[in-house]
């Protein structure tokens, strides 16, 4: 048996150290299984019987809402890629530049809306909750589009663009101001020729807790940082009880999230992948539905004929 068991402590360690998957020998053994099915009728039968559904989402869901991913060719803000800016070191060296980058992303997100995939997930959760069934969304995205769509049971493992954390007192707070501070108004243009605003630290977002005034940072998990162990513990509990898992719009290469669905599959729970193309984990799953998530997911999560609506 190929087990991908983990504890929250192990996941934090792997997120921090950047460890990859298990040995090549183990991966080869795991991949020696039947190819996944794309039979929607079969999936719908499994869906109709599921009581606890876990839905893991990634950047592919948000991309269909026009959200920049900052990945692959052309994935630059000015002349930097996200991994050059989304680090503790980058923030320590140039907090103004990093805040310009996140200010730009926040402003972009204020103009974006949930797409049919987000809405299908939220509507499914609301409908099934009336039947004594549960849906949890475990997302790698920081854009809050699931929340905008109406999802209630949401675990954001990488944080949120619209939360801040004080570098002095540690206070975490929701923040939807536009701009987040006066000095960032009109700043953050992504054009490569745009010069840094070089905003003084004292004019960047500051903590509003009484007597603090510490420098705020985005409450997101940066490259090289550990994921929140409390969030990971919550994720582990949900994956332990789920009897159906969906993987939606994720490349299955970012760890530790790439371990979640294979771990569920390893204990015999059906996993269905909805993605534009196959991923390194596809052959470990029971189902694979290629194509835009906004097209494939709504019919998959629509009301089944056996559902009783009160």
C-alpha atoms as a PDB file:
ATOM      1  CA  UNK A   1       0.000   0.000   0.000  1.00  0.00           C
ATOM      2  CA  UNK A   2       1.208   3.468  -0.835  1.00  0.00           C
ATOM      3  CA  UNK A   3       0.470   5.657   2.141  1.00  0.00           C
ATOM      4  CA  UNK A   4       0.816   9.424   2.196  1.00  0.00           C
ATOM      5  CA  UNK A   5       0.028   9.786   5.855  1.00  0.00           C
ATOM      6  CA  UNK A   6       1.207  12.937   7.514  1.00  0.00           C
ATOM      7  CA  UNK A   7       0.839  14.975  10.643  1.00  0.00           C
ATOM      8  CA  UNK A   8       0.471  18.724  10.873  1.00  0.00           C
ATOM      9  CA  UNK A   9       3.986  18.890  12.297  1.00  0.00           C
ATOM     10  CA  UNK A  10       5.438  17.059   9.310  1.00  0.00           C
ATOM     11  CA  UNK A  11       3.579  19.315   6.910  1.00  0.00           C
ATOM     12  CA  UNK A  12       4.898  22.446   8.579  1.00  0.00           C
ATOM     13  CA  UNK A  13       8.405  21.052   8.334  1.00  0.00           C
ATOM     14  CA  UNK A  14       8.026  20.181   4.664  1.00  0.00           C
ATOM     15  CA  UNK A  15       6.505  23.563   3.810  1.00  0.00           C
ATOM     16  CA  UNK A  16       9.382  25.298   5.545  1.00  0.00           C
ATOM     17  CA  UNK A  17      12.162  23.167   4.110  1.00  0.00           C
ATOM     18  CA  UNK A  18      10.714  22.747   0.618  1.00  0.00           C
ATOM     19  CA  UNK A  19      10.853  18.956   0.709  1.00  0.00           C
ATOM     20  CA  UNK A  20       9.447  17.120  -2.262  1.00  0.00           C
ATOM     21  CA  UNK A  21       7.424  13.940  -2.539  1.00  0.00           C
ATOM     22  CA  UNK A  22       8.488  10.475  -1.450  1.00  0.00           C
ATOM     23  CA  UNK A  23      11.139   8.446  -3.231  1.00  0.00           C
ATOM     24  CA  UNK A  24      11.000   7.746  -6.948  1.00  0.00           C
ATOM     25  CA  UNK A  25      10.537   4.062  -6.174  1.00  0.00           C
ATOM     26  CA  UNK A  26       7.461   4.763  -4.086  1.00  0.00           C
ATOM     27  CA  UNK A  27       6.046   7.107  -6.716  1.00  0.00           C
ATOM     28  CA  UNK A  28       6.542   4.489  -9.417  1.00  0.00           C
ATOM     29  CA  UNK A  29       4.749   1.909  -7.327  1.00  0.00           C
ATOM     30  CA  UNK A  30       1.838   4.268  -6.686  1.00  0.00           C
ATOM     31  CA  UNK A  31       1.451   5.156 -10.344  1.00  0.00           C
ATOM     32  CA  UNK A  32       0.998   1.529 -11.320  1.00  0.00           C
ATOM     33  CA  UNK A  33      -2.774   1.698 -11.216  1.00  0.00           C
ATOM     34  CA  UNK A  34      -5.692   2.036 -13.620  1.00  0.00           C
ATOM     35  CA  UNK A  35      -6.078   5.286 -15.482  1.00  0.00           C
ATOM     36  CA  UNK A  36      -8.732   7.546 -13.971  1.00  0.00           C
ATOM     37  CA  UNK A  37     -12.243   7.586 -15.383  1.00  0.00           C
ATOM     38  CA  UNK A  38     -13.907  10.575 -17.036  1.00  0.00           C
ATOM     39  CA  UNK A  39     -17.378   9.076 -16.738  1.00  0.00           C
ATOM     40  CA  UNK A  40     -19.550  11.796 -15.241  1.00  0.00           C
ATOM     41  CA  UNK A  41     -22.449   9.433 -14.548  1.00  0.00           C
ATOM     42  CA  UNK A  42     -20.196   7.257 -12.406  1.00  0.00           C
ATOM     43  CA  UNK A  43     -18.898  10.291 -10.542  1.00  0.00           C
ATOM     44  CA  UNK A  44     -22.436  11.510  -9.938  1.00  0.00           C
ATOM     45  CA  UNK A  45     -23.346   8.203  -8.294  1.00  0.00           C
ATOM     46  CA  UNK A  46     -20.403   8.569  -5.909  1.00  0.00           C
ATOM     47  CA  UNK A  47     -21.300  12.200  -5.282  1.00  0.00           C
ATOM     48  CA  UNK A  48     -24.901  11.302  -4.420  1.00  0.00           C
ATOM     49  CA  UNK A  49     -23.750   9.001  -1.602  1.00  0.00           C
ATOM     50  CA  UNK A  50     -21.041  11.248  -0.114  1.00  0.00           C
ATOM     51  CA  UNK A  51     -21.657  12.735   3.329  1.00  0.00           C
ATOM     52  CA  UNK A  52     -18.420  14.695   3.877  1.00  0.00           C
ATOM     53  CA  UNK A  53     -16.939  16.266   0.737  1.00  0.00           C
ATOM     54  CA  UNK A  54     -13.536  17.978   0.733  1.00  0.00           C
ATOM     55  CA  UNK A  55     -12.784  20.283  -2.203  1.00  0.00           C
ATOM     56  CA  UNK A  56      -9.154  21.333  -2.692  1.00  0.00           C
ATOM     57  CA  UNK A  57      -8.751  24.337  -4.993  1.00  0.00           C
ATOM     58  CA  UNK A  58      -5.807  26.074  -6.621  1.00  0.00           C
ATOM     59  CA  UNK A  59      -4.910  28.900  -8.958  1.00  0.00           C
ATOM     60  CA  UNK A  60      -6.710  27.363 -11.932  1.00  0.00           C
ATOM     61  CA  UNK A  61     -10.072  28.226 -10.394  1.00  0.00           C
ATOM     62  CA  UNK A  62      -9.174  31.886  -9.969  1.00  0.00           C
ATOM     63  CA  UNK A  63      -7.518  32.120 -13.390  1.00  0.00           C
ATOM     64  CA  UNK A  64     -10.969  31.708 -14.951  1.00  0.00           C
ATOM     65  CA  UNK A  65     -12.005  34.899 -13.161  1.00  0.00           C
ATOM     66  CA  UNK A  66      -9.112  36.739 -14.813  1.00  0.00           C
ATOM     67  CA  UNK A  67      -6.862  36.683 -11.762  1.00  0.00           C
ATOM     68  CA  UNK A  68      -3.143  36.947 -12.632  1.00  0.00           C
ATOM     69  CA  UNK A  69      -1.240  33.866 -11.462  1.00  0.00           C
ATOM     70  CA  UNK A  70       2.311  35.287 -11.782  1.00  0.00           C
ATOM     71  CA  UNK A  71       3.446  31.845 -12.924  1.00  0.00           C
ATOM     72  CA  UNK A  72       5.093  30.574 -16.086  1.00  0.00           C
ATOM     73  CA  UNK A  73       6.048  32.671 -19.096  1.00  0.00           C
ATOM     74  CA  UNK A  74       5.017  36.275 -18.671  1.00  0.00           C
ATOM     75  CA  UNK A  75       4.310  35.808 -14.974  1.00  0.00           C
ATOM     76  CA  UNK A  76       6.061  39.004 -13.938  1.00  0.00           C
ATOM     77  CA  UNK A  77       5.150  42.086 -11.960  1.00  0.00           C
ATOM     78  CA  UNK A  78       7.452  44.721 -13.403  1.00  0.00           C
ATOM     79  CA  UNK A  79      10.699  42.769 -13.760  1.00  0.00           C
ATOM     80  CA  UNK A  80      10.197  40.401 -10.831  1.00  0.00           C
ATOM     81  CA  UNK A  81       8.462  37.084 -10.454  1.00  0.00           C
ATOM     82  CA  UNK A  82       6.291  36.458  -7.427  1.00  0.00           C
ATOM     83  CA  UNK A  83       8.857  34.215  -5.747  1.00  0.00           C
ATOM     84  CA  UNK A  84      11.308  37.133  -5.756  1.00  0.00           C
ATOM     85  CA  UNK A  85       8.878  39.398  -3.911  1.00  0.00           C
ATOM     86  CA  UNK A  86       6.842  37.025  -1.754  1.00  0.00           C
ATOM     87  CA  UNK A  87       9.589  36.282   0.761  1.00  0.00           C
ATOM     88  CA  UNK A  88      10.479  37.555   4.237  1.00  0.00           C
ATOM     89  CA  UNK A  89      13.865  38.652   2.897  1.00  0.00           C
ATOM     90  CA  UNK A  90      12.348  40.749   0.118  1.00  0.00           C
ATOM     91  CA  UNK A  91      10.067  42.477   2.621  1.00  0.00           C
ATOM     92  CA  UNK A  92      12.948  43.154   4.997  1.00  0.00           C
ATOM     93  CA  UNK A  93      15.050  44.642   2.188  1.00  0.00           C
ATOM     94  CA  UNK A  94      12.351  46.686   0.483  1.00  0.00           C
ATOM     95  CA  UNK A  95       8.948  46.756   2.202  1.00  0.00           C
ATOM     96  CA  UNK A  96       7.787  49.555  -0.086  1.00  0.00           C
ATOM     97  CA  UNK A  97       8.277  47.461  -3.237  1.00  0.00           C
ATOM     98  CA  UNK A  98       6.592  44.424  -1.705  1.00  0.00           C
ATOM     99  CA  UNK A  99       3.646  46.508  -0.555  1.00  0.00           C
ATOM    100  CA  UNK A 100       3.332  48.007  -4.044  1.00  0.00           C
ATOM    101  CA  UNK A 101       3.118  44.459  -5.419  1.00  0.00           C
ATOM    102  CA  UNK A 102       0.423  43.435  -2.946  1.00  0.00           C
ATOM    103  CA  UNK A 103      -1.430  46.718  -3.297  1.00  0.00           C
ATOM    104  CA  UNK A 104      -1.632  46.039  -7.040  1.00  0.00           C
ATOM    105  CA  UNK A 105      -2.958  42.524  -6.410  1.00  0.00           C
ATOM    106  CA  UNK A 106      -5.533  43.773  -3.909  1.00  0.00           C
ATOM    107  CA  UNK A 107      -6.794  46.443  -6.291  1.00  0.00           C
ATOM    108  CA  UNK A 108      -7.038  43.919  -9.139  1.00  0.00           C
ATOM    109  CA  UNK A 109      -9.036  41.536  -6.949  1.00  0.00           C
ATOM    110  CA  UNK A 110     -11.539  44.228  -6.016  1.00  0.00           C
ATOM    111  CA  UNK A 111     -12.611  44.217  -9.676  1.00  0.00           C
ATOM    112  CA  UNK A 112     -12.835  40.423 -10.027  1.00  0.00           C
ATOM    113  CA  UNK A 113     -15.831  38.226  -9.399  1.00  0.00           C
ATOM    114  CA  UNK A 114     -16.451  34.550  -8.667  1.00  0.00           C
ATOM    115  CA  UNK A 115     -16.868  32.403 -11.760  1.00  0.00           C
ATOM    116  CA  UNK A 116     -19.249  29.444 -12.273  1.00  0.00           C
ATOM    117  CA  UNK A 117     -16.852  27.070 -10.491  1.00  0.00           C
ATOM    118  CA  UNK A 118     -16.786  29.189  -7.312  1.00  0.00           C
ATOM    119  CA  UNK A 119     -20.545  29.580  -7.431  1.00  0.00           C
ATOM    120  CA  UNK A 120     -21.176  25.869  -8.030  1.00  0.00           C
ATOM    121  CA  UNK A 121     -19.088  24.999  -4.962  1.00  0.00           C
ATOM    122  CA  UNK A 122     -20.862  27.553  -2.741  1.00  0.00           C
ATOM    123  CA  UNK A 123     -24.311  26.502  -3.922  1.00  0.00           C
ATOM    124  CA  UNK A 124     -23.439  22.838  -3.402  1.00  0.00           C
ATOM    125  CA  UNK A 125     -22.329  23.531   0.173  1.00  0.00           C
ATOM    126  CA  UNK A 126     -25.526  25.443   0.955  1.00  0.00           C
ATOM    127  CA  UNK A 127     -27.771  22.772  -0.572  1.00  0.00           C
ATOM    128  CA  UNK A 128     -26.075  19.784   1.026  1.00  0.00           C
ATOM    129  CA  UNK A 129     -25.984  21.421   4.461  1.00  0.00           C
ATOM    130  CA  UNK A 130     -29.788  21.212   4.471  1.00  0.00           C
ATOM    131  CA  UNK A 131     -29.458  17.451   3.959  1.00  0.00           C
ATOM    132  CA  UNK A 132     -27.103  16.898   6.870  1.00  0.00           C
ATOM    133  CA  UNK A 133     -24.114  16.628   4.531  1.00  0.00           C
ATOM    134  CA  UNK A 134     -20.981  18.783   4.641  1.00  0.00           C
ATOM    135  CA  UNK A 135     -18.661  20.470   2.165  1.00  0.00           C
ATOM    136  CA  UNK A 136     -15.332  22.003   3.125  1.00  0.00           C
ATOM    137  CA  UNK A 137     -13.182  24.052   0.752  1.00  0.00           C
ATOM    138  CA  UNK A 138      -9.427  23.845   1.291  1.00  0.00           C
ATOM    139  CA  UNK A 139      -7.897  26.513  -0.908  1.00  0.00           C
ATOM    140  CA  UNK A 140      -4.378  27.538  -1.817  1.00  0.00           C
ATOM    141  CA  UNK A 141      -5.740  30.807  -3.210  1.00  0.00           C
ATOM    142  CA  UNK A 142      -5.457  34.097  -1.341  1.00  0.00           C
ATOM    143  CA  UNK A 143      -8.017  36.072  -3.360  1.00  0.00           C
ATOM    144  CA  UNK A 144     -11.154  35.381  -1.261  1.00  0.00           C
ATOM    145  CA  UNK A 145     -13.254  34.576  -4.349  1.00  0.00           C
ATOM    146  CA  UNK A 146     -14.653  31.519  -2.580  1.00  0.00           C
ATOM    147  CA  UNK A 147     -15.787  33.773   0.250  1.00  0.00           C
ATOM    148  CA  UNK A 148     -17.333  36.217  -2.250  1.00  0.00           C
ATOM    149  CA  UNK A 149     -19.228  33.331  -3.843  1.00  0.00           C
ATOM    150  CA  UNK A 150     -20.746  32.414  -0.476  1.00  0.00           C
ATOM    151  CA  UNK A 151     -18.608  29.529   0.749  1.00  0.00           C
ATOM    152  CA  UNK A 152     -18.831  29.311   4.542  1.00  0.00           C
ATOM    153  CA  UNK A 153     -16.653  26.328   5.510  1.00  0.00           C
ATOM    154  CA  UNK A 154     -13.347  27.603   4.117  1.00  0.00           C
ATOM    155  CA  UNK A 155      -9.751  26.840   5.052  1.00  0.00           C
ATOM    156  CA  UNK A 156      -7.283  29.269   3.424  1.00  0.00           C
ATOM    157  CA  UNK A 157      -3.950  27.506   3.842  1.00  0.00           C
ATOM    158  CA  UNK A 158      -1.909  30.345   2.300  1.00  0.00           C
ATOM    159  CA  UNK A 159      -3.738  33.221   3.988  1.00  0.00           C
ATOM    160  CA  UNK A 160      -5.588  36.135   2.387  1.00  0.00           C
ATOM    161  CA  UNK A 161      -4.770  39.267   0.422  1.00  0.00           C
ATOM    162  CA  UNK A 162      -7.328  41.066   2.537  1.00  0.00           C
ATOM    163  CA  UNK A 163      -5.805  40.360   5.922  1.00  0.00           C
ATOM    164  CA  UNK A 164      -2.770  41.997   7.486  1.00  0.00           C
ATOM    165  CA  UNK A 165      -0.417  40.954  10.255  1.00  0.00           C
ATOM    166  CA  UNK A 166       1.557  43.342  12.428  1.00  0.00           C
ATOM    167  CA  UNK A 167       5.302  42.728  12.399  1.00  0.00           C
ATOM    168  CA  UNK A 168       5.487  44.103  15.950  1.00  0.00           C
ATOM    169  CA  UNK A 169       2.511  42.822  17.945  1.00  0.00           C
ATOM    170  CA  UNK A 170       1.413  40.014  15.620  1.00  0.00           C
ATOM    171  CA  UNK A 171      -2.210  41.145  15.414  1.00  0.00           C
ATOM    172  CA  UNK A 172      -4.084  39.759  12.401  1.00  0.00           C
ATOM    173  CA  UNK A 173      -6.971  41.807  11.019  1.00  0.00           C
ATOM    174  CA  UNK A 174      -9.225  41.899   7.976  1.00  0.00           C
ATOM    175  CA  UNK A 175      -8.533  44.933   5.800  1.00  0.00           C
ATOM    176  CA  UNK A 176     -10.511  45.865   2.691  1.00  0.00           C
ATOM    177  CA  UNK A 177      -9.400  49.502   2.440  1.00  0.00           C
ATOM    178  CA  UNK A 178      -8.722  50.831  -1.054  1.00  0.00           C
ATOM    179  CA  UNK A 179      -6.016  51.959  -1.037  1.00  0.00           C
ATOM    180  CA  UNK A 180      -4.786  50.249   2.090  1.00  0.00           C
ATOM    181  CA  UNK A 181      -2.926  53.462   3.016  1.00  0.00           C
ATOM    182  CA  UNK A 182      -2.809  56.942   1.382  1.00  0.00           C
ATOM    183  CA  UNK A 183       0.822  56.595   0.265  1.00  0.00           C
ATOM    184  CA  UNK A 184      -0.063  53.611  -1.955  1.00  0.00           C
ATOM    185  CA  UNK A 185      -2.817  55.426  -3.846  1.00  0.00           C
ATOM    186  CA  UNK A 186      -2.080  55.149  -7.560  1.00  0.00           C
ATOM    187  CA  UNK A 187       1.006  53.012  -6.943  1.00  0.00           C
ATOM    188  CA  UNK A 188       1.831  49.438  -7.903  1.00  0.00           C
ATOM    189  CA  UNK A 189       1.594  49.669 -11.690  1.00  0.00           C
ATOM    190  CA  UNK A 190       2.979  46.400 -13.160  1.00  0.00           C
ATOM    191  CA  UNK A 191       4.690  47.937 -16.192  1.00  0.00           C
ATOM    192  CA  UNK A 192       8.409  46.996 -16.281  1.00  0.00           C
ATOM    193  CA  UNK A 193       9.388  50.620 -16.812  1.00  0.00           C
ATOM    194  CA  UNK A 194       7.635  51.821 -13.665  1.00  0.00           C
ATOM    195  CA  UNK A 195      10.037  53.065 -11.002  1.00  0.00           C
ATOM    196  CA  UNK A 196       9.731  52.009  -7.385  1.00  0.00           C
ATOM    197  CA  UNK A 197       7.705  54.426  -5.292  1.00  0.00           C
ATOM    198  CA  UNK A 198      10.262  54.175  -2.468  1.00  0.00           C
ATOM    199  CA  UNK A 199       7.643  54.923   0.176  1.00  0.00           C
ATOM    200  CA  UNK A 200       9.120  55.578   3.648  1.00  0.00           C
ATOM    201  CA  UNK A 201       8.359  52.825   6.161  1.00  0.00           C
ATOM    202  CA  UNK A 202       6.427  55.210   8.376  1.00  0.00           C
ATOM    203  CA  UNK A 203       4.001  55.864   5.484  1.00  0.00           C
ATOM    204  CA  UNK A 204       3.347  52.196   4.729  1.00  0.00           C
ATOM    205  CA  UNK A 205       0.379  50.375   6.332  1.00  0.00           C
ATOM    206  CA  UNK A 206       0.609  50.555  10.110  1.00  0.00           C
ATOM    207  CA  UNK A 207      -0.996  48.609  12.932  1.00  0.00           C
ATOM    208  CA  UNK A 208      -4.071  50.282  14.414  1.00  0.00           C
ATOM    209  CA  UNK A 209      -3.952  48.465  17.728  1.00  0.00           C
ATOM    210  CA  UNK A 210      -3.692  50.895  20.630  1.00  0.00           C
ATOM    211  CA  UNK A 211      -0.142  52.140  21.089  1.00  0.00           C
ATOM    212  CA  UNK A 212       1.416  49.837  18.471  1.00  0.00           C
ATOM    213  CA  UNK A 213       1.825  51.560  15.066  1.00  0.00           C
ATOM    214  CA  UNK A 214       3.980  48.642  13.908  1.00  0.00           C
ATOM    215  CA  UNK A 215       4.603  47.949  10.221  1.00  0.00           C
ATOM    216  CA  UNK A 216       1.935  45.706   8.716  1.00  0.00           C
ATOM    217  CA  UNK A 217       2.631  42.929   6.237  1.00  0.00           C
ATOM    218  CA  UNK A 218       0.199  40.912   4.127  1.00  0.00           C
ATOM    219  CA  UNK A 219      -1.162  37.952   6.084  1.00  0.00           C
ATOM    220  CA  UNK A 220      -0.095  35.435   3.466  1.00  0.00           C
ATOM    221  CA  UNK A 221       2.370  32.560   3.575  1.00  0.00           C
ATOM    222  CA  UNK A 222       5.525  33.580   1.757  1.00  0.00           C
ATOM    223  CA  UNK A 223       8.106  31.335   0.150  1.00  0.00           C
ATOM    224  CA  UNK A 224      10.297  29.846   2.858  1.00  0.00           C
ATOM    225  CA  UNK A 225       7.675  30.262   5.581  1.00  0.00           C
ATOM    226  CA  UNK A 226       5.867  27.514   7.463  1.00  0.00           C
ATOM    227  CA  UNK A 227       2.136  27.112   7.053  1.00  0.00           C
ATOM    228  CA  UNK A 228      -0.058  27.821  10.062  1.00  0.00           C
ATOM    229  CA  UNK A 229      -0.065  24.605  12.139  1.00  0.00           C
ATOM    230  CA  UNK A 230      -3.609  25.293  13.372  1.00  0.00           C
ATOM    231  CA  UNK A 231      -4.886  25.517   9.805  1.00  0.00           C
ATOM    232  CA  UNK A 232      -3.038  22.343   8.868  1.00  0.00           C
ATOM    233  CA  UNK A 233      -4.502  20.517  11.843  1.00  0.00           C
ATOM    234  CA  UNK A 234      -7.976  21.576  10.684  1.00  0.00           C
ATOM    235  CA  UNK A 235      -7.164  20.383   7.150  1.00  0.00           C
ATOM    236  CA  UNK A 236      -5.977  17.027   8.456  1.00  0.00           C
ATOM    237  CA  UNK A 237      -9.190  16.525  10.438  1.00  0.00           C
ATOM    238  CA  UNK A 238     -11.325  17.271   7.378  1.00  0.00           C
ATOM    239  CA  UNK A 239      -9.330  14.922   5.164  1.00  0.00           C
ATOM    240  CA  UNK A 240      -9.590  12.167   7.769  1.00  0.00           C
ATOM    241  CA  UNK A 241     -13.396  12.218   7.675  1.00  0.00           C
ATOM    242  CA  UNK A 242     -14.102  13.004   4.018  1.00  0.00           C
ATOM    243  CA  UNK A 243     -15.656  10.273   1.886  1.00  0.00           C
ATOM    244  CA  UNK A 244     -15.205  12.151  -1.401  1.00  0.00           C
ATOM    245  CA  UNK A 245     -12.450  14.552  -2.427  1.00  0.00           C
ATOM    246  CA  UNK A 246     -12.344  16.937  -5.372  1.00  0.00           C
ATOM    247  CA  UNK A 247      -9.142  18.543  -6.629  1.00  0.00           C
ATOM    248  CA  UNK A 248     -10.019  21.627  -8.652  1.00  0.00           C
ATOM    249  CA  UNK A 249      -7.694  23.830 -10.685  1.00  0.00           C
ATOM    250  CA  UNK A 250      -4.456  22.830  -9.012  1.00  0.00           C
ATOM    251  CA  UNK A 251      -1.205  21.650 -10.569  1.00  0.00           C
ATOM    252  CA  UNK A 252      -0.530  19.209  -7.706  1.00  0.00           C
ATOM    253  CA  UNK A 253       3.114  20.289  -7.536  1.00  0.00           C
ATOM    254  CA  UNK A 254       3.066  22.792  -4.643  1.00  0.00           C
ATOM    255  CA  UNK A 255       3.774  21.128  -1.319  1.00  0.00           C
ATOM    256  CA  UNK A 256       2.409  20.340   1.153  1.00  0.00           C
ATOM    257  CA  UNK A 257      -0.987  20.817  -0.573  1.00  0.00           C
ATOM    258  CA  UNK A 258       0.054  18.363  -3.312  1.00  0.00           C
ATOM    259  CA  UNK A 259       0.023  15.622  -0.658  1.00  0.00           C
ATOM    260  CA  UNK A 260      -3.559  16.158   0.463  1.00  0.00           C
ATOM    261  CA  UNK A 261      -5.503  14.334  -2.256  1.00  0.00           C
ATOM    262  CA  UNK A 262      -3.031  11.433  -2.709  1.00  0.00           C
ATOM    263  CA  UNK A 263      -3.260  10.837   1.047  1.00  0.00           C
ATOM    264  CA  UNK A 264      -7.044  10.634   0.792  1.00  0.00           C
ATOM    265  CA  UNK A 265      -6.861   8.358  -2.260  1.00  0.00           C
ATOM    266  CA  UNK A 266      -4.395   6.061  -0.493  1.00  0.00           C
ATOM    267  CA  UNK A 267      -7.018   5.143   2.079  1.00  0.00           C
ATOM    268  CA  UNK A 268      -9.524   4.198  -0.617  1.00  0.00           C
ATOM    269  CA  UNK A 269     -11.591   7.382  -0.778  1.00  0.00           C
ATOM    270  CA  UNK A 270     -12.679   8.425  -4.305  1.00  0.00           C
ATOM    271  CA  UNK A 271     -10.821  11.483  -5.591  1.00  0.00           C
ATOM    272  CA  UNK A 272     -11.927  13.442  -8.657  1.00  0.00           C
ATOM    273  CA  UNK A 273      -9.614  15.889 -10.394  1.00  0.00           C
ATOM    274  CA  UNK A 274     -11.002  18.826 -12.379  1.00  0.00           C
ATOM    275  CA  UNK A 275      -8.209  20.555 -14.254  1.00  0.00           C
ATOM    276  CA  UNK A 276      -7.256  21.858 -17.679  1.00  0.00           C
ATOM    277  CA  UNK A 277      -4.742  19.064 -18.098  1.00  0.00           C
ATOM    278  CA  UNK A 278      -3.339  16.030 -16.338  1.00  0.00           C
ATOM    279  CA  UNK A 279      -1.025  16.558 -13.360  1.00  0.00           C
ATOM    280  CA  UNK A 280       1.677  14.442 -11.706  1.00  0.00           C
ATOM    281  CA  UNK A 281      -1.020  13.103  -9.363  1.00  0.00           C
ATOM    282  CA  UNK A 282      -3.726  12.338 -11.943  1.00  0.00           C
ATOM    283  CA  UNK A 283      -3.118   8.588 -12.142  1.00  0.00           C
ATOM    284  CA  UNK A 284      -3.575   8.243  -8.391  1.00  0.00           C
ATOM    285  CA  UNK A 285      -7.197   9.380  -8.612  1.00  0.00           C
ATOM    286  CA  UNK A 286     -10.420   7.607  -9.549  1.00  0.00           C
ATOM    287  CA  UNK A 287     -11.719  10.381 -11.782  1.00  0.00           C
ATOM    288  CA  UNK A 288     -10.220  13.057 -14.018  1.00  0.00           C
ATOM    289  CA  UNK A 289     -12.289  15.662 -15.871  1.00  0.00           C
ATOM    290  CA  UNK A 290     -10.221  17.824 -18.250  1.00  0.00           C
ATOM    291  CA  UNK A 291     -11.289  21.313 -19.269  1.00  0.00           C
ATOM    292  CA  UNK A 292     -12.141  24.653 -17.676  1.00  0.00           C
ATOM    293  CA  UNK A 293     -13.385  24.208 -14.107  1.00  0.00           C
ATOM    294  CA  UNK A 294     -16.170  26.684 -14.743  1.00  0.00           C
ATOM    295  CA  UNK A 295     -17.511  24.300 -17.387  1.00  0.00           C
ATOM    296  CA  UNK A 296     -16.858  20.876 -15.871  1.00  0.00           C
ATOM    297  CA  UNK A 297     -17.644  21.536 -12.194  1.00  0.00           C
ATOM    298  CA  UNK A 298     -21.223  22.943 -12.237  1.00  0.00           C
ATOM    299  CA  UNK A 299     -22.823  19.816 -13.743  1.00  0.00           C
ATOM    300  CA  UNK A 300     -20.736  17.621 -11.444  1.00  0.00           C
ATOM    301  CA  UNK A 301     -22.040  19.381  -8.329  1.00  0.00           C
ATOM    302  CA  UNK A 302     -25.594  20.019  -9.468  1.00  0.00           C
ATOM    303  CA  UNK A 303     -28.492  18.513  -7.537  1.00  0.00           C
ATOM    304  CA  UNK A 304     -28.649  14.750  -7.964  1.00  0.00           C
ATOM    305  CA  UNK A 305     -32.013  13.177  -8.736  1.00  0.00           C
ATOM    306  CA  UNK A 306     -31.890  11.255  -5.457  1.00  0.00           C
ATOM    307  CA  UNK A 307     -31.540  14.404  -3.342  1.00  0.00           C
ATOM    308  CA  UNK A 308     -34.526  15.370  -1.232  1.00  0.00           C
ATOM    309  CA  UNK A 309     -34.980  19.124  -1.024  1.00  0.00           C
ATOM    310  CA  UNK A 310     -36.947  20.321   1.987  1.00  0.00           C
END
